[in-house]
Amino acid sequence: MTDEAGTRDGDLPDDLTAAEAGMWQAFRNGSVYDLSSGDMLVDDPHGGHPWGPERTVRARIVCWLLLDGPPALAGRVASLKLSGVQISGTLELAGGDVVPYVEMRGCRFERDVLLPEARFTTLRMVDCSVPRLEAARIHTEGDLHLPRCRFHNGVRLTDAHIGTDLLLNQAIVHRDRSGRSIAADGMTVGQDLQAELLESHGELSLRSAKVGVSLSLRGARLVNPSTRLALNAPQLTVERSMYLTPAGIGSPLLSGATPAHGTRIQRFSCEGGLRLDDGRFGDALDFERARFALADDQEVSLRRIQTPELRFLGERPARGRVVLSGARVVNLMDRTDSWPGPGRLHMGGFSYENLVPRGPFPLDERLAWVTAATAEYNPEPYERLAAVLRSGGEDEDAREVLLAKQRRRRETLPPAAKLWGYAQDWTVAYGYRPGRALVWMAVLWAAGSLAFAHAHHPPIKSGEAPYWNPALFALDLLLPVIDLGQVGFWQLSGGWQWLAATMILLGWVLATTVAAGASRLLRRS
């Protein structure tokens, strides 16, 4: 290796092992260098079978090939394609500029892979066993593929720039010393980030990450119950959709396709908190059939997210909270059994324009949904729901929601105001059922007419009183403003006076509640 001129001409260095010499030649030829034995158990990079020197190459030889390797053979393109190879020592390419195509399948790394600030065209590591991948600020013009790999001490992709796709499908990642499995804060992915069937033991951190197309966590299992968050991704930007949905296990179908009948399904599951605060999702945020196992102090936090469609269709969390405070959504797709109970749902400032329930979602359960989100009285969730129902042509349901709001507000009032609230409710339902006042008026008029037909009614001044008409007399008592020329001409005594006074009082109550209801209706319109 001291003869640089010979190396640049493609001559083999003197101190290479047989395995390394074969890798050297395969690199110049651009062919796959496969040291697999053919026995699946022995070739499993994650298994316990030792791999001897016959399939081991030194990491520094790999680095030499990638950074300053020999020229390709005539008519070939130099590339490093390894299969079933064990790499001893630390593979360190920090700050390096790697031009050749790199693909490693079923390989075993004895020590960490260090790639901070390195530049690649495309890097593929498939089904490899890696103690730790340190790749902060890595830059790839094409893909970074890490499917089915196992990382025993975490992955670091902080501020990485991936030109096209990042694949983590079926990878298994364990936490590092800081408790994170994947640290990818500030990462930029040009197209898709696919982490389907990912198994993450620790915090998956995607703070301020940007994904150019879609982010798929279909069938992923995020496990971090001991601390607060299993997925920590505030200010995440996804230009299309983020999927936290089921995936078919063993299905050959492309990502996002419906699995064939009989395919075993694995749902997205999250054991620990999930934080997507201030996220931006260009098409949708999808929680179809998602499962959450939360502690009492953990939450699914969607504060201030913005998306055209939120598909909140997962299973109801048994514990913890769901927080949508300040979120802005156009279409809210949900089910009755997806939302948590009272005290565990927070929707202050949550804005949505359309409700698209999956399955039956009757109004009484929708009202219970709003009630669950307001441990203390807050008019905003009721008014938002009423506005959405009214815009959809459900005027009657909108009135029921606003009536429920008034009844909820009544419970916070002092006793006198509460009694007046009950009076408005019983008579005209706070103005949302004005026809009820006419019914009360008709009942009182009929009862009064029947009673006063038997009353002793001498005139106050003989010869000036009109003809006695008990129906007009009762109606004159009930109408507080209109004078029908009956009340001021007859003299009542005893219980009839009390009856007349009661009808006058009831008339004023009905008139006042009707006026209050009418003003409320005018304010709404």
Protein backbone atom coordinates (compact mmCIF):
# COMPACT_ATOMS: atom_id res chain seq x y z
CA MET A 1 0.00 0.00 0.00
CA THR A 2 3.04 2.27 0.07
CA ASP A 3 3.30 2.18 -3.70
CA GLU A 4 0.71 4.83 -4.59
CA ALA A 5 1.50 4.78 -8.31
CA GLY A 6 0.91 1.05 -8.48
CA THR A 7 -2.33 1.41 -6.59
CA ARG A 8 -3.60 4.07 -8.95
CA ASP A 9 -2.79 1.81 -11.85
CA GLY A 10 -4.91 -0.90 -10.28
CA ASP A 11 -2.14 -3.12 -8.92
CA LEU A 12 -2.97 -5.05 -5.77
CA PRO A 13 -1.30 -3.76 -2.61
CA ASP A 14 1.06 -6.23 -1.02
CA ASP A 15 -0.51 -6.67 2.42
CA LEU A 16 -4.10 -7.53 1.44
CA THR A 17 -5.70 -10.70 2.70
CA ALA A 18 -7.30 -13.09 0.27
CA ALA A 19 -10.76 -11.73 1.13
CA GLU A 20 -9.58 -8.15 0.68
CA ALA A 21 -7.88 -8.96 -2.63
CA GLY A 22 -11.14 -10.39 -3.94
CA MET A 23 -13.00 -7.26 -2.80
CA TRP A 24 -10.36 -5.12 -4.55
CA GLN A 25 -10.88 -6.86 -7.85
CA ALA A 26 -14.67 -6.81 -7.53
CA PHE A 27 -14.51 -3.06 -6.88
CA ARG A 28 -12.61 -2.48 -10.15
CA ASN A 29 -15.05 -4.72 -11.98
CA GLY A 30 -18.15 -3.13 -10.40
CA SER A 31 -19.48 -6.60 -9.52
CA VAL A 32 -21.01 -8.00 -6.33
CA TYR A 33 -18.47 -9.48 -3.92
CA ASP A 34 -20.40 -12.25 -2.17
CA LEU A 35 -18.80 -14.24 0.67
CA SER A 36 -22.00 -15.92 1.82
CA SER A 37 -21.81 -19.62 2.65
CA GLY A 38 -25.25 -20.55 1.36
CA ASP A 39 -26.45 -21.60 4.83
CA MET A 40 -29.17 -19.18 5.95
CA LEU A 41 -28.45 -19.67 9.64
CA VAL A 42 -24.73 -19.14 9.27
CA ASP A 43 -25.17 -16.20 6.90
CA ASP A 44 -27.58 -14.35 9.18
CA PRO A 45 -25.66 -11.18 10.10
CA HIS A 46 -27.74 -10.82 13.26
CA GLY A 47 -27.20 -14.41 14.42
CA GLY A 48 -24.59 -15.87 16.71
CA HIS A 49 -22.54 -17.87 14.21
CA PRO A 50 -18.97 -16.49 14.01
CA TRP A 51 -17.58 -15.44 10.68
CA GLY A 52 -13.92 -16.28 10.21
CA PRO A 53 -11.09 -14.43 8.45
CA GLU A 54 -12.11 -15.96 5.11
CA ARG A 55 -15.08 -13.55 5.01
CA THR A 56 -13.59 -10.62 6.95
CA VAL A 57 -12.12 -7.42 5.51
CA ARG A 58 -10.58 -4.51 7.35
CA ALA A 59 -12.55 -1.26 7.56
CA ARG A 60 -9.54 0.79 6.53
CA ILE A 61 -9.28 -1.13 3.25
CA VAL A 62 -12.94 -0.39 2.57
CA CYS A 63 -12.31 3.29 3.30
CA TRP A 64 -9.29 3.26 0.98
CA LEU A 65 -11.35 1.83 -1.86
CA LEU A 66 -14.11 4.38 -1.40
CA LEU A 67 -11.93 7.47 -1.00
CA ASP A 68 -8.92 6.70 -3.19
CA GLY A 69 -9.55 3.37 -4.86
CA PRO A 70 -8.06 1.98 -8.06
CA PRO A 71 -9.52 2.81 -11.48
CA ALA A 72 -12.26 0.67 -12.96
CA LEU A 73 -11.46 -1.92 -15.55
CA ALA A 74 -12.00 -0.95 -19.15
CA GLY A 75 -15.72 -0.66 -19.91
CA ARG A 76 -16.71 -1.02 -16.24
CA VAL A 77 -17.80 1.38 -13.47
CA ALA A 78 -16.06 1.03 -10.12
CA SER A 79 -18.46 0.34 -7.25
CA LEU A 80 -18.43 -1.37 -3.87
CA LYS A 81 -21.06 -4.13 -3.66
CA LEU A 82 -20.56 -6.44 -0.70
CA SER A 83 -22.69 -9.37 0.42
CA GLY A 84 -22.12 -11.55 3.48
CA VAL A 85 -18.92 -9.73 4.43
CA GLN A 86 -17.69 -8.92 7.91
CA ILE A 87 -15.97 -5.54 8.36
CA SER A 88 -13.51 -5.38 11.23
CA GLY A 89 -12.47 -2.12 12.86
CA THR A 90 -14.21 1.24 12.67
CA LEU A 91 -15.45 2.30 9.25
CA GLU A 92 -14.69 6.01 9.31
CA LEU A 93 -15.39 8.26 6.35
CA ALA A 94 -15.96 11.52 8.22
CA GLY A 95 -15.88 14.46 5.82
CA GLY A 96 -15.02 12.22 2.88
CA ASP A 97 -16.28 12.57 -0.66
CA VAL A 98 -17.33 9.08 -1.81
CA VAL A 99 -17.92 8.93 -5.57
CA PRO A 100 -18.44 5.16 -6.17
CA TYR A 101 -21.81 3.54 -5.72
CA VAL A 102 -21.96 1.71 -2.35
CA GLU A 103 -24.20 -1.26 -1.54
CA MET A 104 -23.76 -3.69 1.35
CA ARG A 105 -26.17 -6.58 1.89
CA GLY A 106 -26.20 -8.98 4.80
CA CYS A 107 -22.94 -7.58 6.16
CA ARG A 108 -21.74 -7.50 9.75
CA PHE A 109 -19.85 -4.54 11.23
CA GLU A 110 -17.76 -5.16 14.32
CA ARG A 111 -17.62 -1.49 15.28
CA ASP A 112 -19.44 1.77 14.61
CA VAL A 113 -19.90 3.23 11.15
CA LEU A 114 -18.82 6.90 11.22
CA LEU A 115 -20.02 9.01 8.29
CA PRO A 116 -20.47 12.57 9.64
CA GLU A 117 -20.33 15.23 6.93
CA ALA A 118 -19.48 12.63 4.30
CA ARG A 119 -20.85 12.95 0.77
CA PHE A 120 -22.20 10.03 -1.24
CA THR A 121 -23.96 9.57 -4.52
CA THR A 122 -26.05 6.64 -3.21
CA LEU A 123 -25.53 4.53 -0.10
CA ARG A 124 -27.38 1.29 0.48
CA MET A 125 -26.94 -0.88 3.57
CA VAL A 126 -29.47 -3.69 3.52
CA ASP A 127 -30.00 -6.27 6.29
CA CYS A 128 -26.74 -5.35 8.02
CA SER A 129 -25.75 -5.57 11.68
CA VAL A 130 -24.28 -2.26 12.85
CA PRO A 131 -23.34 -1.26 16.41
CA ARG A 132 -24.10 2.40 15.66
CA LEU A 133 -24.45 4.62 12.60
CA GLU A 134 -23.07 8.11 13.15
CA ALA A 135 -24.02 10.18 10.10
CA ALA A 136 -24.74 13.74 11.20
CA ARG A 137 -24.79 16.16 8.26
CA ILE A 138 -24.30 13.36 5.74
CA HIS A 139 -25.14 14.37 2.17
CA THR A 140 -26.37 12.00 -0.53
CA GLU A 141 -27.29 12.97 -4.06
CA GLY A 142 -29.48 9.89 -4.34
CA ASP A 143 -30.91 7.41 -1.84
CA LEU A 144 -29.91 6.39 1.64
CA HIS A 145 -31.27 2.86 2.16
CA LEU A 146 -31.07 1.14 5.54
CA PRO A 147 -33.87 -1.48 5.36
CA ARG A 148 -33.84 -4.52 7.66
CA CYS A 149 -30.68 -3.31 9.35
CA ARG A 150 -30.20 -3.64 13.10
CA PHE A 151 -28.53 -0.79 14.96
CA HIS A 152 -27.63 -1.74 18.52
CA ASN A 153 -26.72 1.75 19.77
CA GLY A 154 -28.84 4.06 17.68
CA VAL A 155 -28.62 6.08 14.49
CA ARG A 156 -27.70 9.73 14.18
CA LEU A 157 -28.83 11.63 11.07
CA THR A 158 -28.97 15.15 12.51
CA ASP A 159 -29.06 17.80 9.76
CA ALA A 160 -28.58 15.10 7.11
CA HIS A 161 -29.48 15.90 3.51
CA ILE A 162 -30.89 12.97 1.52
CA GLY A 163 -31.29 13.79 -2.16
CA THR A 164 -34.14 11.37 -2.94
CA ASP A 165 -35.43 8.59 -0.62
CA LEU A 166 -34.58 7.48 2.91
CA LEU A 167 -35.59 3.87 3.58
CA LEU A 168 -35.74 2.38 7.07
CA ASN A 169 -38.28 -0.34 6.36
CA GLN A 170 -38.17 -3.23 8.86
CA ALA A 171 -35.11 -1.79 10.57
CA ILE A 172 -34.62 -2.43 14.30
CA VAL A 173 -33.00 0.43 16.19
CA HIS A 174 -32.11 0.43 19.89
CA ARG A 175 -31.48 3.50 22.01
CA ASP A 176 -28.17 5.21 22.44
CA ARG A 177 -26.77 6.59 25.69
CA SER A 178 -29.06 9.64 25.48
CA GLY A 179 -32.19 7.47 25.13
CA ARG A 180 -32.73 8.13 21.43
CA SER A 181 -33.07 5.44 18.81
CA ILE A 182 -32.92 7.69 15.75
CA ALA A 183 -31.80 11.31 16.10
CA ALA A 184 -32.70 13.04 12.84
CA ASP A 185 -33.42 16.62 13.90
CA GLY A 186 -33.21 19.07 11.03
CA MET A 187 -32.95 16.32 8.43
CA THR A 188 -34.06 17.01 4.84
CA VAL A 189 -35.35 14.23 2.57
CA GLY A 190 -35.91 15.13 -1.07
CA GLN A 191 -38.69 12.61 -1.72
CA ASP A 192 -40.07 9.82 0.50
CA LEU A 193 -39.11 8.79 4.00
CA GLN A 194 -40.26 5.19 4.40
CA ALA A 195 -39.96 3.56 7.80
CA GLU A 196 -42.59 0.86 7.42
CA LEU A 197 -42.52 -1.93 10.01
CA LEU A 198 -39.73 -0.04 11.76
CA GLU A 199 -39.04 -1.17 15.34
CA SER A 200 -37.73 1.70 17.44
CA HIS A 201 -36.64 1.19 21.06
CA GLY A 202 -36.11 4.72 22.34
CA GLU A 203 -37.06 8.19 21.18
CA LEU A 204 -37.44 8.70 17.44
CA SER A 205 -36.58 12.38 17.04
CA LEU A 206 -37.51 14.26 13.84
CA ARG A 207 -37.60 17.82 15.12
CA SER A 208 -37.81 20.39 12.31
CA ALA A 209 -37.28 17.66 9.70
CA LYS A 210 -38.51 18.22 6.12
CA VAL A 211 -39.82 15.50 3.80
CA GLY A 212 -40.35 16.38 0.13
CA VAL A 213 -43.17 13.90 -0.58
CA SER A 214 -44.58 11.45 2.01
CA LEU A 215 -43.55 10.03 5.37
CA SER A 216 -44.68 6.47 6.00
CA LEU A 217 -44.60 4.79 9.40
CA ARG A 218 -47.05 2.09 8.33
CA GLY A 219 -46.92 -0.85 10.72
CA ALA A 220 -44.10 0.73 12.73
CA ARG A 221 -43.68 -0.07 16.41
CA LEU A 222 -42.32 2.77 18.52
CA VAL A 223 -41.43 1.72 22.06
CA ASN A 224 -40.30 4.18 24.71
CA PRO A 225 -42.62 3.82 27.71
CA SER A 226 -40.09 4.79 30.36
CA THR A 227 -39.76 8.41 29.22
CA ARG A 228 -42.15 10.99 27.86
CA LEU A 229 -41.93 10.57 24.08
CA ALA A 230 -41.63 7.71 21.61
CA LEU A 231 -41.97 10.04 18.60
CA ASN A 232 -40.73 13.59 19.01
CA ALA A 233 -41.33 15.54 15.80
CA PRO A 234 -42.38 19.16 16.41
CA GLN A 235 -42.23 21.51 13.41
CA LEU A 236 -42.12 18.54 11.04
CA THR A 237 -42.93 19.45 7.43
CA VAL A 238 -44.29 16.79 5.04
CA GLU A 239 -45.25 18.06 1.60
CA ARG A 240 -47.81 15.31 1.01
CA SER A 241 -49.06 12.85 3.67
CA MET A 242 -47.84 11.25 6.87
CA TYR A 243 -49.09 7.70 7.44
CA LEU A 244 -49.33 6.11 10.88
CA THR A 245 -51.43 3.24 9.55
CA PRO A 246 -51.32 -0.59 9.17
CA ALA A 247 -48.94 -2.47 6.87
CA GLY A 248 -49.12 -5.93 5.39
CA ILE A 249 -46.42 -8.26 6.68
CA GLY A 250 -44.75 -10.21 3.90
CA SER A 251 -46.85 -8.54 1.21
CA PRO A 252 -45.00 -7.93 -2.06
CA LEU A 253 -47.25 -4.99 -2.86
CA LEU A 254 -45.85 -1.53 -3.16
CA SER A 255 -46.01 0.88 -0.27
CA GLY A 256 -49.49 2.25 0.29
CA ALA A 257 -51.33 -0.42 -1.71
CA THR A 258 -54.11 -2.41 -0.11
CA PRO A 259 -52.70 -5.73 1.12
CA ALA A 260 -54.06 -8.86 -0.55
CA HIS A 261 -56.79 -10.82 1.20
CA GLY A 262 -55.33 -13.02 3.92
CA THR A 263 -52.21 -10.90 4.40
CA ARG A 264 -51.28 -10.50 8.05
CA ILE A 265 -51.67 -6.90 9.11
CA GLN A 266 -49.52 -5.05 11.60
CA ARG A 267 -50.86 -1.78 12.93
CA PHE A 268 -48.84 1.28 13.80
CA SER A 269 -48.32 1.24 17.56
CA CYS A 270 -46.77 3.78 19.87
CA GLU A 271 -45.82 2.91 23.47
CA GLY A 272 -45.02 6.35 24.78
CA GLY A 273 -45.96 9.90 23.89
CA LEU A 274 -46.25 11.27 20.35
CA ARG A 275 -45.52 14.91 19.59
CA LEU A 276 -46.22 16.56 16.22
CA ASP A 277 -46.70 20.14 17.44
CA ASP A 278 -46.61 22.87 14.77
CA GLY A 279 -46.37 20.26 12.01
CA ARG A 280 -47.35 21.00 8.41
CA PHE A 281 -48.81 18.22 6.25
CA GLY A 282 -49.66 19.10 2.65
CA ASP A 283 -52.33 16.43 2.04
CA ALA A 284 -53.21 14.47 5.18
CA LEU A 285 -52.19 13.16 8.58
CA ASP A 286 -53.51 9.60 8.81
CA PHE A 287 -54.01 7.64 12.06
CA GLU A 288 -56.05 4.78 10.56
CA ARG A 289 -56.26 1.97 13.19
CA ALA A 290 -53.26 3.35 15.11
CA ARG A 291 -52.71 2.09 18.65
CA PHE A 292 -51.42 4.21 21.53
CA ALA A 293 -50.27 2.89 24.89
CA LEU A 294 -49.80 6.00 27.02
CA ALA A 295 -49.02 6.66 30.65
CA ASP A 296 -51.14 9.19 32.52
CA ASP A 297 -48.59 11.95 31.93
CA GLN A 298 -48.11 11.18 28.22
CA GLU A 299 -50.09 12.51 25.30
CA VAL A 300 -50.74 12.49 21.58
CA SER A 301 -49.87 16.12 21.03
CA LEU A 302 -51.09 17.74 17.79
CA ARG A 303 -50.92 21.34 18.94
CA ARG A 304 -51.13 23.89 16.13
CA ILE A 305 -50.74 21.38 13.31
CA GLN A 306 -52.03 22.39 9.87
CA THR A 307 -53.33 19.89 7.32
CA PRO A 308 -56.16 19.67 4.78
CA GLU A 309 -57.27 16.36 6.31
CA LEU A 310 -56.84 14.77 9.72
CA ARG A 311 -57.88 11.11 9.76
CA PHE A 312 -58.19 10.42 13.48
CA LEU A 313 -59.33 6.83 13.13
CA GLY A 314 -57.17 4.97 15.63
CA GLU A 315 -58.13 3.08 18.75
CA ARG A 316 -59.20 5.08 21.79
CA PRO A 317 -56.22 5.47 24.16
CA ALA A 318 -56.98 3.90 27.53
CA ARG A 319 -54.83 6.48 29.33
CA GLY A 320 -53.08 9.75 28.60
CA ARG A 321 -54.37 12.73 26.64
CA VAL A 322 -55.09 13.83 23.07
CA VAL A 323 -54.32 17.52 22.53
CA LEU A 324 -55.51 19.44 19.44
CA SER A 325 -55.22 22.95 20.84
CA GLY A 326 -54.72 25.51 18.09
CA ALA A 327 -54.77 22.90 15.29
CA ARG A 328 -56.20 23.93 11.90
CA VAL A 329 -57.84 21.25 9.76
CA VAL A 330 -60.11 21.41 6.73
CA ASN A 331 -61.61 17.89 6.89
CA LEU A 332 -61.82 16.03 10.19
CA MET A 333 -62.40 12.32 9.60
CA ASP A 334 -63.11 10.43 12.82
CA ARG A 335 -65.05 7.67 14.59
CA THR A 336 -66.96 7.65 17.85
CA ASP A 337 -64.58 5.12 19.42
CA SER A 338 -61.38 6.99 18.51
CA TRP A 339 -61.60 9.82 21.02
CA PRO A 340 -60.67 9.62 24.73
CA GLY A 341 -63.12 10.38 27.51
CA PRO A 342 -63.74 13.51 29.62
CA GLY A 343 -60.67 15.30 30.88
CA ARG A 344 -58.35 13.57 28.40
CA LEU A 345 -59.23 15.54 25.26
CA HIS A 346 -58.21 19.18 24.77
CA MET A 347 -59.43 21.19 21.77
CA GLY A 348 -59.02 24.85 22.72
CA GLY A 349 -58.71 26.82 19.50
CA PHE A 350 -59.11 23.69 17.34
CA SER A 351 -60.43 24.78 13.94
CA TYR A 352 -62.03 22.45 11.38
CA GLU A 353 -64.32 23.17 8.43
CA ASN A 354 -65.94 19.81 7.63
CA LEU A 355 -66.82 16.70 9.62
CA VAL A 356 -66.47 13.41 7.78
CA PRO A 357 -67.39 10.68 10.29
CA ARG A 358 -66.45 7.11 9.50
CA GLY A 359 -69.56 5.17 10.49
CA PRO A 360 -72.48 6.47 12.59
CA PHE A 361 -71.73 9.47 14.78
CA PRO A 362 -75.08 10.65 16.25
CA LEU A 363 -75.45 14.16 17.56
CA ASP A 364 -75.64 13.14 21.23
CA GLU A 365 -72.24 11.44 20.91
CA ARG A 366 -70.85 14.45 19.05
CA LEU A 367 -72.00 16.61 21.95
CA ALA A 368 -70.34 14.20 24.36
CA TRP A 369 -67.16 14.63 22.28
CA VAL A 370 -67.30 18.39 22.79
CA THR A 371 -68.12 17.99 26.48
CA ALA A 372 -65.13 15.68 26.93
CA ALA A 373 -62.88 18.44 25.58
CA THR A 374 -64.17 21.12 27.98
CA ALA A 375 -63.62 20.17 31.60
CA GLU A 376 -64.59 23.78 32.37
CA TYR A 377 -67.16 25.67 30.35
CA ASN A 378 -65.74 27.02 27.09
CA PRO A 379 -68.13 28.25 24.38
CA GLU A 380 -65.64 27.94 21.51
CA PRO A 381 -65.89 24.16 20.80
CA TYR A 382 -69.71 24.37 20.79
CA GLU A 383 -69.76 27.37 18.47
CA ARG A 384 -67.24 25.74 16.11
CA LEU A 385 -69.33 22.57 15.90
CA ALA A 386 -72.53 24.55 15.35
CA ALA A 387 -70.93 26.60 12.57
CA VAL A 388 -69.70 23.45 10.81
CA LEU A 389 -73.12 21.80 11.08
CA ARG A 390 -74.87 24.89 9.82
CA SER A 391 -72.52 25.20 6.83
CA GLY A 392 -73.39 21.60 6.00
CA GLY A 393 -77.12 22.34 6.03
CA GLU A 394 -77.77 20.74 9.45
CA ASP A 395 -79.55 23.75 10.96
CA GLU A 396 -81.58 21.74 13.46
CA ASP A 397 -78.48 19.98 14.78
CA ALA A 398 -76.68 23.32 14.98
CA ARG A 399 -79.48 24.69 17.17
CA GLU A 400 -79.22 21.64 19.43
CA VAL A 401 -75.50 22.26 19.85
CA LEU A 402 -76.02 25.91 20.77
CA LEU A 403 -78.77 24.90 23.19
CA ALA A 404 -76.35 22.44 24.82
CA LYS A 405 -73.84 25.30 25.08
CA GLN A 406 -76.37 27.45 26.98
CA ARG A 407 -77.24 24.60 29.32
CA ARG A 408 -73.55 24.00 30.01
CA ARG A 409 -73.05 27.70 30.67
CA ARG A 410 -76.02 27.76 33.05
CA GLU A 411 -74.22 25.44 35.46
CA THR A 412 -71.51 28.09 35.98
CA LEU A 413 -73.95 30.90 36.89
CA PRO A 414 -75.02 32.14 40.37
CA PRO A 415 -78.37 30.86 41.72
CA ALA A 416 -80.54 33.78 40.55
CA ALA A 417 -79.13 33.71 37.02
CA LYS A 418 -79.39 29.94 37.02
CA LEU A 419 -83.12 30.14 37.84
CA TRP A 420 -83.61 32.64 35.02
CA GLY A 421 -81.75 30.24 32.75
CA TYR A 422 -84.08 27.41 33.69
CA ALA A 423 -87.04 29.67 32.91
CA GLN A 424 -85.66 30.41 29.44
CA ASP A 425 -84.95 26.73 28.88
CA TRP A 426 -88.40 25.53 29.91
CA THR A 427 -90.23 28.19 27.94
CA VAL A 428 -88.40 28.77 24.66
CA ALA A 429 -85.22 26.66 25.03
CA TYR A 430 -83.08 29.83 25.06
CA GLY A 431 -84.73 30.96 21.83
CA TYR A 432 -83.67 27.93 19.82
CA ARG A 433 -87.20 26.49 20.01
CA PRO A 434 -89.44 29.60 19.75
CA GLY A 435 -92.49 27.52 18.92
CA ARG A 436 -92.51 26.32 22.52
CA ALA A 437 -93.58 29.84 23.68
CA LEU A 438 -96.69 29.65 21.52
CA VAL A 439 -97.59 26.32 23.10
CA TRP A 440 -97.20 27.77 26.61
CA MET A 441 -99.22 30.80 25.62
CA ALA A 442 -102.00 28.65 24.19
CA VAL A 443 -102.13 26.44 27.28
CA LEU A 444 -102.25 29.43 29.66
CA TRP A 445 -104.86 31.18 27.52
CA ALA A 446 -107.11 28.13 27.44
CA ALA A 447 -106.76 27.52 31.18
CA GLY A 448 -107.35 31.22 31.98
CA SER A 449 -110.38 31.42 29.70
CA LEU A 450 -111.91 28.39 31.34
CA ALA A 451 -111.21 29.68 34.85
CA PHE A 452 -112.44 33.24 34.30
CA ALA A 453 -115.66 31.95 32.77
CA HIS A 454 -116.67 31.12 36.36
CA ALA A 455 -115.25 34.23 38.05
CA HIS A 456 -117.32 36.88 39.87
CA HIS A 457 -116.55 40.05 37.90
CA PRO A 458 -118.57 43.14 38.91
CA PRO A 459 -117.70 46.22 36.82
CA ILE A 460 -115.66 48.98 38.39
CA LYS A 461 -118.00 51.62 36.98
CA SER A 462 -121.54 50.61 36.16
CA GLY A 463 -122.49 51.25 32.56
CA GLU A 464 -118.92 51.76 31.30
CA ALA A 465 -117.73 48.16 31.20
CA PRO A 466 -117.67 46.29 27.88
CA TYR A 467 -119.33 42.94 27.37
CA TRP A 468 -117.61 40.32 29.57
CA ASN A 469 -115.51 37.94 27.47
CA PRO A 470 -113.36 35.56 29.59
CA ALA A 471 -111.19 34.58 26.59
CA LEU A 472 -110.33 38.20 25.74
CA PHE A 473 -109.83 38.98 29.43
CA ALA A 474 -107.31 36.11 29.80
CA LEU A 475 -105.53 37.14 26.60
CA ASP A 476 -105.35 40.77 27.78
CA LEU A 477 -103.66 39.57 30.98
CA LEU A 478 -101.11 37.46 29.11
CA LEU A 479 -100.06 40.10 26.55
CA PRO A 480 -97.94 42.60 28.48
CA VAL A 481 -97.89 45.39 25.88
CA ILE A 482 -101.12 45.10 23.87
CA ASP A 483 -104.28 46.50 25.49
CA LEU A 484 -107.44 44.63 24.47
CA GLY A 485 -109.75 46.83 26.59
CA GLN A 486 -110.69 44.21 29.19
CA VAL A 487 -108.46 44.35 32.24
CA GLY A 488 -109.22 47.89 33.46
CA PHE A 489 -113.02 47.52 33.62
CA TRP A 490 -113.64 44.59 35.93
CA GLN A 491 -113.18 44.19 39.65
CA LEU A 492 -111.80 40.83 40.86
CA SER A 493 -111.37 39.76 44.45
CA GLY A 494 -109.80 36.98 46.48
CA GLY A 495 -108.19 34.16 44.54
CA TRP A 496 -109.20 35.64 41.20
CA GLN A 497 -106.91 38.59 41.85
CA TRP A 498 -104.01 36.22 42.49
CA LEU A 499 -104.82 34.30 39.35
CA ALA A 500 -104.86 37.50 37.29
CA ALA A 501 -101.53 38.63 38.80
CA THR A 502 -99.99 35.21 38.06
CA MET A 503 -101.07 35.35 34.43
CA ILE A 504 -99.62 38.85 34.05
CA LEU A 505 -96.30 37.66 35.52
CA LEU A 506 -96.23 34.60 33.28
CA GLY A 507 -96.99 36.77 30.27
CA TRP A 508 -94.02 38.99 31.05
CA VAL A 509 -91.75 35.98 31.53
CA LEU A 510 -92.83 34.52 28.18
CA ALA A 511 -92.44 37.86 26.41
CA THR A 512 -88.97 38.45 27.91
CA THR A 513 -87.67 35.00 27.05
CA VAL A 514 -89.05 35.29 23.51
CA ALA A 515 -87.30 38.66 23.13
CA ALA A 516 -84.02 37.20 24.47
CA GLY A 517 -84.28 34.27 22.09
CA ALA A 518 -85.10 36.53 19.15
CA SER A 519 -82.09 38.76 19.85
CA ARG A 520 -79.87 35.64 20.04
CA LEU A 521 -81.19 34.45 16.69
CA LEU A 522 -80.59 37.87 15.16
CA ARG A 523 -77.01 37.92 16.47
CA ARG A 524 -76.35 34.48 14.92
CA SER A 525 -77.73 35.56 11.56
